[in-house]
N, C-alpha and C. Protein backbone atom coordinates (compact mmCIF):
# COMPACT_ATOMS: atom_id res chain seq x y z
N MET A 1 16.95 3.10 8.17
CA MET A 1 16.41 1.87 7.56
C MET A 1 14.99 2.18 7.53
N THR A 2 14.24 2.10 6.62
CA THR A 2 12.74 2.53 6.51
C THR A 2 11.93 1.11 6.84
N LEU A 3 10.83 1.25 7.17
CA LEU A 3 9.75 0.02 7.55
C LEU A 3 9.63 -0.87 6.28
N LEU A 4 9.67 -0.19 5.16
CA LEU A 4 9.20 -0.69 3.95
C LEU A 4 10.45 -1.81 3.35
N LYS A 5 11.76 -1.49 4.12
CA LYS A 5 12.84 -2.29 3.52
C LYS A 5 12.82 -3.33 4.85
N GLU A 6 12.48 -2.95 6.13
CA GLU A 6 12.67 -3.89 7.03
C GLU A 6 11.47 -5.20 7.14
N TYR A 7 10.38 -4.63 6.61
CA TYR A 7 9.45 -5.63 6.66
C TYR A 7 8.64 -5.69 5.42
N PRO A 8 9.37 -6.30 4.27
CA PRO A 8 8.47 -6.27 2.90
C PRO A 8 7.35 -7.11 3.24
N HIS A 9 6.63 -7.02 2.15
CA HIS A 9 5.50 -8.20 2.03
C HIS A 9 4.90 -7.82 0.45
N LYS A 10 4.55 -8.86 0.09
CA LYS A 10 3.96 -8.95 -1.30
C LYS A 10 2.97 -7.72 -1.66
N SER A 11 2.31 -7.30 -0.75
CA SER A 11 1.25 -6.39 -1.09
C SER A 11 1.74 -4.91 -0.68
N PHE A 12 2.78 -4.87 -0.31
CA PHE A 12 3.47 -3.42 -0.13
C PHE A 12 4.19 -3.14 -1.52
N ILE A 13 4.35 -1.67 -1.47
CA ILE A 13 5.11 -1.00 -2.81
C ILE A 13 6.49 -1.23 -2.22
N ALA A 14 7.47 -1.66 -3.28
CA ALA A 14 8.81 -1.78 -3.15
C ALA A 14 9.63 -0.54 -2.97
N LEU A 15 10.33 -0.62 -1.95
CA LEU A 15 11.16 0.74 -1.82
C LEU A 15 12.66 0.27 -2.27
N HIS A 16 13.15 0.90 -3.46
CA HIS A 16 14.54 0.54 -3.89
C HIS A 16 15.78 1.16 -3.36
N GLU A 17 15.54 2.51 -2.98
CA GLU A 17 16.72 3.38 -2.37
C GLU A 17 16.13 4.53 -1.66
N VAL A 18 17.04 4.93 -1.00
CA VAL A 18 16.63 6.05 -0.09
C VAL A 18 17.89 7.02 -0.18
N TYR A 19 17.60 8.19 -0.45
CA TYR A 19 18.76 9.33 -0.60
C TYR A 19 18.29 10.41 0.31
N GLU A 20 19.35 10.98 1.13
CA GLU A 20 19.01 12.13 1.66
C GLU A 20 19.89 13.31 1.70
N SER A 21 19.24 14.23 1.56
CA SER A 21 20.31 15.60 1.33
C SER A 21 19.99 16.49 2.71
N ASN A 22 20.46 17.81 2.81
CA ASN A 22 20.32 18.41 4.10
C ASN A 22 18.77 18.64 4.20
N ASN A 23 18.14 19.02 3.19
CA ASN A 23 16.80 19.26 3.51
C ASN A 23 15.71 18.35 2.98
N TYR A 24 16.11 17.42 2.31
CA TYR A 24 14.95 16.32 1.70
C TYR A 24 15.44 14.78 1.87
N VAL A 25 14.49 14.18 1.74
CA VAL A 25 14.38 12.74 1.67
C VAL A 25 13.99 12.34 0.44
N TYR A 26 14.79 11.51 -0.34
CA TYR A 26 14.15 10.85 -1.85
C TYR A 26 13.80 9.43 -1.70
N LEU A 27 12.63 9.00 -2.07
CA LEU A 27 12.51 7.56 -1.82
C LEU A 27 12.26 7.21 -3.27
N VAL A 28 13.12 5.88 -3.54
CA VAL A 28 12.94 5.60 -5.24
C VAL A 28 12.08 4.41 -4.82
N LEU A 29 10.74 4.34 -5.48
CA LEU A 29 9.76 3.18 -5.21
C LEU A 29 9.53 2.70 -6.54
N GLU A 30 8.85 1.54 -6.39
CA GLU A 30 8.38 0.70 -7.45
C GLU A 30 7.44 1.41 -8.27
N TYR A 31 7.24 1.50 -9.69
CA TYR A 31 6.56 1.97 -10.45
C TYR A 31 5.25 1.37 -10.50
N LEU A 32 4.28 1.81 -10.24
CA LEU A 32 2.78 1.16 -10.46
C LEU A 32 1.91 2.23 -11.24
N LYS A 33 1.38 1.85 -12.37
CA LYS A 33 0.53 2.83 -13.16
C LYS A 33 -0.82 2.42 -12.96
N ASP A 34 -1.40 1.58 -11.84
CA ASP A 34 -2.83 1.81 -11.87
C ASP A 34 -3.18 2.69 -10.94
N ASP A 35 -4.71 3.12 -10.86
CA ASP A 35 -5.16 3.97 -9.72
C ASP A 35 -5.31 3.17 -8.23
N HIS A 36 -5.71 4.12 -7.54
CA HIS A 36 -5.73 3.79 -6.31
C HIS A 36 -7.49 3.21 -6.04
N LEU A 37 -7.67 2.70 -4.84
CA LEU A 37 -9.05 2.07 -4.63
C LEU A 37 -9.83 3.43 -4.65
N PHE A 38 -9.94 4.50 -4.34
CA PHE A 38 -10.95 5.41 -4.03
C PHE A 38 -11.14 5.85 -5.66
N THR A 39 -10.28 6.18 -6.55
CA THR A 39 -10.64 6.20 -7.96
C THR A 39 -11.26 4.91 -8.45
N GLN A 40 -10.96 4.03 -8.25
CA GLN A 40 -11.75 2.76 -8.94
C GLN A 40 -13.20 2.84 -8.38
N LEU A 41 -13.43 2.74 -7.16
CA LEU A 41 -14.74 2.95 -6.56
C LEU A 41 -15.70 4.08 -7.17
N LYS A 42 -14.79 5.17 -7.49
CA LYS A 42 -15.93 6.34 -7.96
C LYS A 42 -16.12 5.89 -9.31
N LYS A 43 -15.10 5.24 -10.20
CA LYS A 43 -15.31 4.73 -11.82
C LYS A 43 -16.45 3.65 -11.79
N CYS A 44 -16.74 2.71 -10.93
CA CYS A 44 -17.03 1.52 -11.01
C CYS A 44 -18.72 1.67 -10.61
N VAL A 45 -19.39 1.06 -11.75
CA VAL A 45 -21.14 1.17 -11.45
C VAL A 45 -21.63 -0.18 -10.50
N ASN A 46 -20.82 -1.19 -10.84
CA ASN A 46 -21.31 -2.50 -10.13
C ASN A 46 -20.07 -2.99 -9.68
N TYR A 47 -19.87 -2.98 -8.27
CA TYR A 47 -18.65 -3.48 -7.68
C TYR A 47 -19.06 -4.63 -7.01
N THR A 48 -18.73 -6.03 -7.69
CA THR A 48 -18.96 -7.47 -7.11
C THR A 48 -18.61 -7.67 -5.61
N GLU A 49 -19.28 -8.59 -4.98
CA GLU A 49 -18.97 -9.20 -3.63
C GLU A 49 -17.31 -9.94 -3.85
N SER A 50 -17.35 -10.58 -4.84
CA SER A 50 -15.82 -11.23 -5.32
C SER A 50 -14.78 -10.12 -5.43
N ASP A 51 -15.23 -9.01 -6.13
CA ASP A 51 -13.96 -7.91 -6.16
C ASP A 51 -13.90 -7.55 -4.78
N ALA A 52 -14.76 -7.06 -4.07
CA ALA A 52 -14.40 -6.73 -2.73
C ALA A 52 -13.65 -7.79 -1.75
N ARG A 53 -14.09 -9.01 -2.08
CA ARG A 53 -13.29 -10.12 -1.26
C ARG A 53 -11.97 -9.94 -1.54
N LYS A 54 -11.62 -10.22 -2.69
CA LYS A 54 -10.20 -10.16 -3.27
C LYS A 54 -9.27 -8.87 -2.52
N ILE A 55 -10.01 -7.60 -2.94
CA ILE A 55 -9.06 -6.59 -2.24
C ILE A 55 -9.19 -6.51 -0.79
N MET A 56 -10.25 -6.71 0.03
CA MET A 56 -10.21 -6.98 1.30
C MET A 56 -9.35 -7.87 1.99
N LYS A 57 -9.13 -9.19 1.09
CA LYS A 57 -8.17 -10.20 1.57
C LYS A 57 -6.84 -9.81 1.48
N SER A 58 -6.50 -8.94 0.62
CA SER A 58 -4.89 -8.11 0.38
C SER A 58 -4.78 -7.39 1.57
N ILE A 59 -5.85 -6.70 1.82
CA ILE A 59 -5.63 -5.43 2.75
C ILE A 59 -5.43 -5.97 4.32
N LEU A 60 -6.22 -7.09 4.41
CA LEU A 60 -6.06 -7.65 5.78
C LEU A 60 -5.00 -8.45 6.05
N GLU A 61 -4.34 -9.19 5.02
CA GLU A 61 -2.99 -9.72 4.84
C GLU A 61 -2.06 -8.79 5.25
N ALA A 62 -1.94 -7.63 4.45
CA ALA A 62 -1.03 -6.69 4.87
C ALA A 62 -1.00 -6.08 6.13
N THR A 63 -2.15 -6.04 6.68
CA THR A 63 -2.52 -5.26 8.03
C THR A 63 -1.95 -6.54 8.91
N GLU A 64 -2.33 -7.42 8.66
CA GLU A 64 -1.95 -8.69 9.64
C GLU A 64 -0.43 -8.48 9.85
N HIS A 65 0.39 -8.59 8.82
CA HIS A 65 1.66 -8.66 8.54
C HIS A 65 2.12 -7.33 9.48
N LEU A 66 1.69 -6.28 9.14
CA LEU A 66 2.37 -5.07 9.90
C LEU A 66 1.96 -5.38 11.56
N HIS A 67 0.94 -5.65 11.91
CA HIS A 67 0.52 -5.75 13.46
C HIS A 67 1.43 -7.01 13.99
N ARG A 68 1.77 -7.95 13.36
CA ARG A 68 2.66 -9.17 13.70
C ARG A 68 4.09 -8.49 14.17
N ASN A 69 4.06 -7.50 13.28
CA ASN A 69 5.75 -6.76 13.57
C ASN A 69 5.51 -5.40 14.55
N GLN A 70 4.31 -5.34 15.22
CA GLN A 70 4.26 -3.98 16.03
C GLN A 70 4.03 -2.90 15.47
N ILE A 71 3.71 -2.79 14.04
CA ILE A 71 3.42 -1.43 13.46
C ILE A 71 1.93 -1.28 13.09
N VAL A 72 1.60 0.12 13.41
CA VAL A 72 0.25 0.41 12.85
C VAL A 72 0.07 1.45 11.92
N HIS A 73 -0.73 1.26 10.94
CA HIS A 73 -0.51 2.15 9.54
C HIS A 73 -1.17 3.73 9.89
N ARG A 74 -2.25 3.63 10.50
CA ARG A 74 -2.90 5.06 10.99
C ARG A 74 -3.37 5.62 9.95
N ASP A 75 -3.22 5.38 8.63
CA ASP A 75 -4.01 6.16 7.44
C ASP A 75 -4.42 5.30 6.44
N LEU A 76 -4.84 4.14 6.84
CA LEU A 76 -5.40 3.24 5.86
C LEU A 76 -6.87 3.74 5.30
N LYS A 77 -6.91 4.15 4.06
CA LYS A 77 -7.99 4.58 3.57
C LYS A 77 -7.87 4.28 2.17
N PRO A 78 -9.01 4.24 1.18
CA PRO A 78 -9.36 3.73 -0.24
C PRO A 78 -8.15 4.69 -0.96
N SER A 79 -7.77 5.97 -0.67
CA SER A 79 -6.96 6.60 -1.48
C SER A 79 -5.58 6.19 -1.19
N ASN A 80 -5.18 5.44 -0.27
CA ASN A 80 -3.93 4.99 0.12
C ASN A 80 -3.72 3.53 -0.21
N ILE A 81 -4.60 3.00 -1.02
CA ILE A 81 -4.71 1.48 -1.47
C ILE A 81 -4.39 1.21 -2.87
N LEU A 82 -3.25 1.18 -3.46
CA LEU A 82 -3.06 1.15 -4.97
C LEU A 82 -3.31 -0.43 -5.22
N LEU A 83 -4.06 -0.37 -6.33
CA LEU A 83 -4.68 -1.61 -7.03
C LEU A 83 -3.51 -2.06 -8.47
């Protein structure tokens, strides 16, 4: 079982299925068409405090959920945050 299935959260991408072969593991994830935070920050000329507040609130809620379950992300960065 993967952590995404064991500890779901509204801010996490949904994991639908996991398939394994002798050499590979295949994850069937929720489809998201939007960019990640890094791309959005590069495109945006004026990023408001309100925009930042909404994104940070979501990140902190998700991180708190992980920490409550004794999980550390270890690679939290703008290119790993989907909007």
